[in-house]
Amino acid sequence: MKAWYKSKTLWVNMVAAMLMALEAGTGLLKPYLAETFWVAMAVGLPIINAVLRIVTTQALGKTDA
């Protein structure tokens, strides 16, 4: 078992969620991102998640410190 913070899937989703929350709450990202960025994210995120799930070899869980 590996610790949650070693999960690439969780990190990708956390970064995506933070970007979406930042844009929704402040609108600060719009001037810096292309109009198609959010469409690409909507299409790309499920694909990235699927690939990461396929290559995953270890389950998440508590690790002994």
PDB file of N, CA and C in Angstrom:
ATOM      1  N   MET A   1       0.844  -1.187   0.000  1.00  0.00           N
ATOM      2  CA  MET A   1       0.000   0.000   0.000  1.00  0.00           C
ATOM      3  C   MET A   1       0.886   1.245   0.000  1.00  0.00           C
ATOM      4  N   LYS A   2       0.383   2.263  -0.661  1.00  0.00           N
ATOM      5  CA  LYS A   2       1.129   3.513  -0.679  1.00  0.00           C
ATOM      6  C   LYS A   2       0.291   4.623  -0.050  1.00  0.00           C
ATOM      7  N   ALA A   3       0.978   5.647   0.398  1.00  0.00           N
ATOM      8  CA  ALA A   3       0.318   6.798   1.018  1.00  0.00           C
ATOM      9  C   ALA A   3      -0.445   7.581  -0.049  1.00  0.00           C
ATOM     10  N   TRP A   4      -1.504   8.245   0.351  1.00  0.00           N
ATOM     11  CA  TRP A   4      -2.352   8.974  -0.593  1.00  0.00           C
ATOM     12  C   TRP A   4      -1.577  10.029  -1.366  1.00  0.00           C
ATOM     13  N   TYR A   5      -0.589  10.664  -0.730  1.00  0.00           N
ATOM     14  CA  TYR A   5       0.136  11.752  -1.374  1.00  0.00           C
ATOM     15  C   TYR A   5       1.098  11.265  -2.460  1.00  0.00           C
ATOM     16  N   LYS A   6       1.232   9.969  -2.619  1.00  0.00           N
ATOM     17  CA  LYS A   6       2.054   9.413  -3.697  1.00  0.00           C
ATOM     18  C   LYS A   6       1.209   9.031  -4.913  1.00  0.00           C
ATOM     19  N   SER A   7      -0.078   9.299  -4.872  1.00  0.00           N
ATOM     20  CA  SER A   7      -0.989   8.945  -5.957  1.00  0.00           C
ATOM     21  C   SER A   7      -1.004  10.022  -7.035  1.00  0.00           C
ATOM     22  N   LYS A   8      -0.564   9.680  -8.232  1.00  0.00           N
ATOM     23  CA  LYS A   8      -0.602  10.620  -9.355  1.00  0.00           C
ATOM     24  C   LYS A   8      -2.040  10.978  -9.717  1.00  0.00           C
ATOM     25  N   THR A   9      -2.939  10.016  -9.614  1.00  0.00           N
ATOM     26  CA  THR A   9      -4.346  10.257  -9.933  1.00  0.00           C
ATOM     27  C   THR A   9      -4.925  11.329  -9.013  1.00  0.00           C
ATOM     28  N   LEU A  10      -4.670  11.218  -7.720  1.00  0.00           N
ATOM     29  CA  LEU A  10      -5.177  12.220  -6.788  1.00  0.00           C
ATOM     30  C   LEU A  10      -4.563  13.590  -7.041  1.00  0.00           C
ATOM     31  N   TRP A  11      -3.275  13.652  -7.349  1.00  0.00           N
ATOM     32  CA  TRP A  11      -2.627  14.928  -7.607  1.00  0.00           C
ATOM     33  C   TRP A  11      -3.185  15.597  -8.853  1.00  0.00           C
ATOM     34  N   VAL A  12      -3.377  14.834  -9.929  1.00  0.00           N
ATOM     35  CA  VAL A  12      -3.941  15.406 -11.155  1.00  0.00           C
ATOM     36  C   VAL A  12      -5.326  15.983 -10.881  1.00  0.00           C
ATOM     37  N   ASN A  13      -6.153  15.225 -10.173  1.00  0.00           N
ATOM     38  CA  ASN A  13      -7.504  15.686  -9.875  1.00  0.00           C
ATOM     39  C   ASN A  13      -7.509  16.876  -8.914  1.00  0.00           C
ATOM     40  N   MET A  14      -6.582  16.906  -7.971  1.00  0.00           N
ATOM     41  CA  MET A  14      -6.509  18.014  -7.033  1.00  0.00           C
ATOM     42  C   MET A  14      -6.108  19.306  -7.755  1.00  0.00           C
ATOM     43  N   VAL A  15      -5.139  19.225  -8.648  1.00  0.00           N
ATOM     44  CA  VAL A  15      -4.723  20.409  -9.411  1.00  0.00           C
ATOM     45  C   VAL A  15      -5.867  20.887 -10.302  1.00  0.00           C
ATOM     46  N   ALA A  16      -6.553  19.959 -10.957  1.00  0.00           N
ATOM     47  CA  ALA A  16      -7.690  20.332 -11.812  1.00  0.00           C
ATOM     48  C   ALA A  16      -8.785  21.005 -10.993  1.00  0.00           C
ATOM     49  N   ALA A  17      -9.092  20.452  -9.840  1.00  0.00           N
ATOM     50  CA  ALA A  17     -10.126  21.037  -8.981  1.00  0.00           C
ATOM     51  C   ALA A  17      -9.717  22.420  -8.488  1.00  0.00           C
ATOM     52  N   MET A  18      -8.453  22.599  -8.150  1.00  0.00           N
ATOM     53  CA  MET A  18      -7.991  23.907  -7.685  1.00  0.00           C
ATOM     54  C   MET A  18      -8.064  24.944  -8.804  1.00  0.00           C
ATOM     55  N   LEU A  19      -7.686  24.558 -10.034  1.00  0.00           N
ATOM     56  CA  LEU A  19      -7.789  25.482 -11.163  1.00  0.00           C
ATOM     57  C   LEU A  19      -9.234  25.888 -11.415  1.00  0.00           C
ATOM     58  N   MET A  20     -10.131  24.908 -11.388  1.00  0.00           N
ATOM     59  CA  MET A  20     -11.544  25.204 -11.636  1.00  0.00           C
ATOM     60  C   MET A  20     -12.127  26.079 -10.536  1.00  0.00           C
ATOM     61  N   ALA A  21     -11.777  25.807  -9.293  1.00  0.00           N
ATOM     62  CA  ALA A  21     -12.283  26.610  -8.178  1.00  0.00           C
ATOM     63  C   ALA A  21     -11.734  28.029  -8.237  1.00  0.00           C
ATOM     64  N   LEU A  22     -10.450  28.163  -8.574  1.00  0.00           N
ATOM     65  CA  LEU A  22      -9.851  29.492  -8.671  1.00  0.00           C
ATOM     66  C   LEU A  22     -10.529  30.308  -9.764  1.00  0.00           C
ATOM     67  N   GLU A  23     -10.760  29.702 -10.911  1.00  0.00           N
ATOM     68  CA  GLU A  23     -11.411  30.418 -12.010  1.00  0.00           C
ATOM     69  C   GLU A  23     -12.857  30.752 -11.676  1.00  0.00           C
ATOM     70  N   ALA A  24     -13.570  29.797 -11.100  1.00  0.00           N
ATOM     71  CA  ALA A  24     -14.978  30.031 -10.767  1.00  0.00           C
ATOM     72  C   ALA A  24     -15.123  31.116  -9.709  1.00  0.00           C
ATOM     73  N   GLY A  25     -14.209  31.158  -8.761  1.00  0.00           N
ATOM     74  CA  GLY A  25     -14.316  32.112  -7.667  1.00  0.00           C
ATOM     75  C   GLY A  25     -13.785  33.491  -7.972  1.00  0.00           C
ATOM     76  N   THR A  26     -12.779  33.570  -8.853  1.00  0.00           N
ATOM     77  CA  THR A  26     -12.128  34.857  -9.057  1.00  0.00           C
ATOM     78  C   THR A  26     -12.113  35.337 -10.505  1.00  0.00           C
ATOM     79  N   GLY A  27     -12.129  34.418 -11.452  1.00  0.00           N
ATOM     80  CA  GLY A  27     -12.019  34.789 -12.863  1.00  0.00           C
ATOM     81  C   GLY A  27     -10.624  35.236 -13.255  1.00  0.00           C
ATOM     82  N   LEU A  28      -9.629  34.980 -12.420  1.00  0.00           N
ATOM     83  CA  LEU A  28      -8.263  35.437 -12.679  1.00  0.00           C
ATOM     84  C   LEU A  28      -7.561  34.690 -13.810  1.00  0.00           C
ATOM     85  N   LEU A  29      -7.971  33.474 -14.096  1.00  0.00           N
ATOM     86  CA  LEU A  29      -7.258  32.671 -15.082  1.00  0.00           C
ATOM     87  C   LEU A  29      -7.674  32.955 -16.523  1.00  0.00           C
ATOM     88  N   LYS A  30      -8.845  33.486 -16.723  1.00  0.00           N
ATOM     89  CA  LYS A  30      -9.371  33.690 -18.079  1.00  0.00           C
ATOM     90  C   LYS A  30      -8.417  34.465 -18.993  1.00  0.00           C
ATOM     91  N   PRO A  31      -7.782  35.535 -18.538  1.00  0.00           N
ATOM     92  CA  PRO A  31      -6.870  36.250 -19.434  1.00  0.00           C
ATOM     93  C   PRO A  31      -5.625  35.441 -19.827  1.00  0.00           C
ATOM     94  N   TYR A  32      -5.285  34.431 -19.050  1.00  0.00           N
ATOM     95  CA  TYR A  32      -4.058  33.677 -19.284  1.00  0.00           C
ATOM     96  C   TYR A  32      -4.277  32.341 -19.990  1.00  0.00           C
ATOM     97  N   LEU A  33      -5.503  31.883 -20.068  1.00  0.00           N
ATOM     98  CA  LEU A  33      -5.793  30.583 -20.670  1.00  0.00           C
ATOM     99  C   LEU A  33      -6.602  30.758 -21.944  1.00  0.00           C
ATOM    100  N   ALA A  34      -6.352  29.875 -22.891  1.00  0.00           N
ATOM    101  CA  ALA A  34      -7.104  29.913 -24.146  1.00  0.00           C
ATOM    102  C   ALA A  34      -8.568  29.587 -23.870  1.00  0.00           C
ATOM    103  N   GLU A  35      -9.433  30.055 -24.751  1.00  0.00           N
ATOM    104  CA  GLU A  35     -10.874  29.793 -24.608  1.00  0.00           C
ATOM    105  C   GLU A  35     -11.172  28.296 -24.588  1.00  0.00           C
ATOM    106  N   THR A  36     -10.369  27.537 -25.286  1.00  0.00           N
ATOM    107  CA  THR A  36     -10.618  26.092 -25.389  1.00  0.00           C
ATOM    108  C   THR A  36     -10.014  25.300 -24.237  1.00  0.00           C
ATOM    109  N   PHE A  37      -9.354  25.966 -23.300  1.00  0.00           N
ATOM    110  CA  PHE A  37      -8.701  25.251 -22.198  1.00  0.00           C
ATOM    111  C   PHE A  37      -9.689  24.416 -21.396  1.00  0.00           C
ATOM    112  N   TRP A  38     -10.834  24.995 -21.059  1.00  0.00           N
ATOM    113  CA  TRP A  38     -11.792  24.280 -20.217  1.00  0.00           C
ATOM    114  C   TRP A  38     -12.436  23.122 -20.967  1.00  0.00           C
ATOM    115  N   VAL A  39     -12.616  23.277 -22.270  1.00  0.00           N
ATOM    116  CA  VAL A  39     -13.131  22.168 -23.083  1.00  0.00           C
ATOM    117  C   VAL A  39     -12.091  21.051 -23.126  1.00  0.00           C
ATOM    118  N   ALA A  40     -10.839  21.431 -23.334  1.00  0.00           N
ATOM    119  CA  ALA A  40      -9.765  20.433 -23.349  1.00  0.00           C
ATOM    120  C   ALA A  40      -9.665  19.728 -22.000  1.00  0.00           C
ATOM    121  N   MET A  41      -9.849  20.472 -20.918  1.00  0.00           N
ATOM    122  CA  MET A  41      -9.791  19.865 -19.595  1.00  0.00           C
ATOM    123  C   MET A  41     -10.961  18.894 -19.397  1.00  0.00           C
ATOM    124  N   ALA A  42     -12.136  19.270 -19.865  1.00  0.00           N
ATOM    125  CA  ALA A  42     -13.313  18.413 -19.722  1.00  0.00           C
ATOM    126  C   ALA A  42     -13.156  17.112 -20.502  1.00  0.00           C
ATOM    127  N   VAL A  43     -12.484  17.173 -21.643  1.00  0.00           N
ATOM    128  CA  VAL A  43     -12.257  15.969 -22.448  1.00  0.00           C
ATOM    129  C   VAL A  43     -11.021  15.221 -21.957  1.00  0.00           C
ATOM    130  N   GLY A  44      -9.983  15.962 -21.622  1.00  0.00           N
ATOM    131  CA  GLY A  44      -8.705  15.343 -21.261  1.00  0.00           C
ATOM    132  C   GLY A  44      -8.647  14.726 -19.880  1.00  0.00           C
ATOM    133  N   LEU A  45      -9.330  15.320 -18.913  1.00  0.00           N
ATOM    134  CA  LEU A  45      -9.248  14.813 -17.541  1.00  0.00           C
ATOM    135  C   LEU A  45      -9.744  13.377 -17.410  1.00  0.00           C
ATOM    136  N   PRO A  46     -10.877  13.012 -17.984  1.00  0.00           N
ATOM    137  CA  PRO A  46     -11.292  11.600 -17.895  1.00  0.00           C
ATOM    138  C   PRO A  46     -10.312  10.648 -18.585  1.00  0.00           C
ATOM    139  N   ILE A  47      -9.715  11.104 -19.675  1.00  0.00           N
ATOM    140  CA  ILE A  47      -8.737  10.266 -20.371  1.00  0.00           C
ATOM    141  C   ILE A  47      -7.487  10.081 -19.508  1.00  0.00           C
ATOM    142  N   ILE A  48      -7.004  11.166 -18.930  1.00  0.00           N
ATOM    143  CA  ILE A  48      -5.839  11.088 -18.041  1.00  0.00           C
ATOM    144  C   ILE A  48      -6.139  10.184 -16.849  1.00  0.00           C
ATOM    145  N   ASN A  49      -7.331  10.337 -16.262  1.00  0.00           N
ATOM    146  CA  ASN A  49      -7.718   9.485 -15.137  1.00  0.00           C
ATOM    147  C   ASN A  49      -7.728   8.012 -15.540  1.00  0.00           C
ATOM    148  N   ALA A  50      -8.269   7.707 -16.712  1.00  0.00           N
ATOM    149  CA  ALA A  50      -8.326   6.320 -17.169  1.00  0.00           C
ATOM    150  C   ALA A  50      -6.922   5.749 -17.357  1.00  0.00           C
ATOM    151  N   VAL A  51      -6.039   6.513 -17.968  1.00  0.00           N
ATOM    152  CA  VAL A  51      -4.664   6.051 -18.164  1.00  0.00           C
ATOM    153  C   VAL A  51      -3.971   5.823 -16.828  1.00  0.00           C
ATOM    154  N   LEU A  52      -4.136   6.764 -15.907  1.00  0.00           N
ATOM    155  CA  LEU A  52      -3.503   6.600 -14.595  1.00  0.00           C
ATOM    156  C   LEU A  52      -4.069   5.399 -13.838  1.00  0.00           C
ATOM    157  N   ARG A  53      -5.352   5.146 -13.983  1.00  0.00           N
ATOM    158  CA  ARG A  53      -5.949   3.972 -13.327  1.00  0.00           C
ATOM    159  C   ARG A  53      -5.416   2.676 -13.937  1.00  0.00           C
ATOM    160  N   ILE A  54      -5.187   2.673 -15.247  1.00  0.00           N
ATOM    161  CA  ILE A  54      -4.662   1.478 -15.906  1.00  0.00           C
ATOM    162  C   ILE A  54      -3.236   1.179 -15.448  1.00  0.00           C
ATOM    163  N   VAL A  55      -2.422   2.219 -15.292  1.00  0.00           N
ATOM    164  CA  VAL A  55      -1.023   1.993 -14.919  1.00  0.00           C
ATOM    165  C   VAL A  55      -0.831   1.884 -13.397  1.00  0.00           C
ATOM    166  N   THR A  56      -1.876   2.059 -12.627  1.00  0.00           N
ATOM    167  CA  THR A  56      -1.767   1.953 -11.173  1.00  0.00           C
ATOM    168  C   THR A  56      -1.457   0.516 -10.769  1.00  0.00           C
ATOM    169  N   THR A  57      -0.469   0.369  -9.886  1.00  0.00           N
ATOM    170  CA  THR A  57      -0.083  -0.962  -9.445  1.00  0.00           C
ATOM    171  C   THR A  57      -0.288  -1.176  -7.948  1.00  0.00           C
ATOM    172  N   GLN A  58      -0.473  -0.099  -7.210  1.00  0.00           N
ATOM    173  CA  GLN A  58      -0.617  -0.216  -5.757  1.00  0.00           C
ATOM    174  C   GLN A  58      -1.895   0.459  -5.284  1.00  0.00           C
ATOM    175  N   ALA A  59      -2.478  -0.114  -4.265  1.00  0.00           N
ATOM    176  CA  ALA A  59      -3.653   0.486  -3.638  1.00  0.00           C
ATOM    177  C   ALA A  59      -3.214   1.576  -2.664  1.00  0.00           C
ATOM    178  N   LEU A  60      -4.121   2.487  -2.379  1.00  0.00           N
ATOM    179  CA  LEU A  60      -3.865   3.505  -1.361  1.00  0.00           C
ATOM    180  C   LEU A  60      -4.266   2.955  -0.005  1.00  0.00           C
ATOM    181  N   GLY A  61      -3.613   3.404   0.998  1.00  0.00           N
ATOM    182  CA  GLY A  61      -3.983   2.975   2.343  1.00  0.00           C
ATOM    183  C   GLY A  61      -3.051   3.573   3.370  1.00  0.00           C
ATOM    184  N   LYS A  62      -3.270   3.176   4.582  1.00  0.00           N
ATOM    185  CA  LYS A  62      -2.400   3.639   5.662  1.00  0.00           C
ATOM    186  C   LYS A  62      -1.038   2.975   5.534  1.00  0.00           C
ATOM    187  N   THR A  63      -0.012   3.784   5.750  1.00  0.00           N
ATOM    188  CA  THR A  63       1.340   3.245   5.740  1.00  0.00           C
ATOM    189  C   THR A  63       1.894   3.306   7.153  1.00  0.00           C
ATOM    190  N   ASP A  64       2.745   2.384   7.469  1.00  0.00           N
ATOM    191  CA  ASP A  64       3.362   2.389   8.797  1.00  0.00           C
ATOM    192  C   ASP A  64       4.490   3.411   8.791  1.00  0.00           C
ATOM    193  N   ALA A  65       4.409   4.332   9.736  1.00  0.00           N
ATOM    194  CA  ALA A  65       5.412   5.401   9.788  1.00  0.00           C
ATOM    195  C   ALA A  65       6.665   4.970  10.498  1.00  0.00           C
TER     196      ALA A  65
END
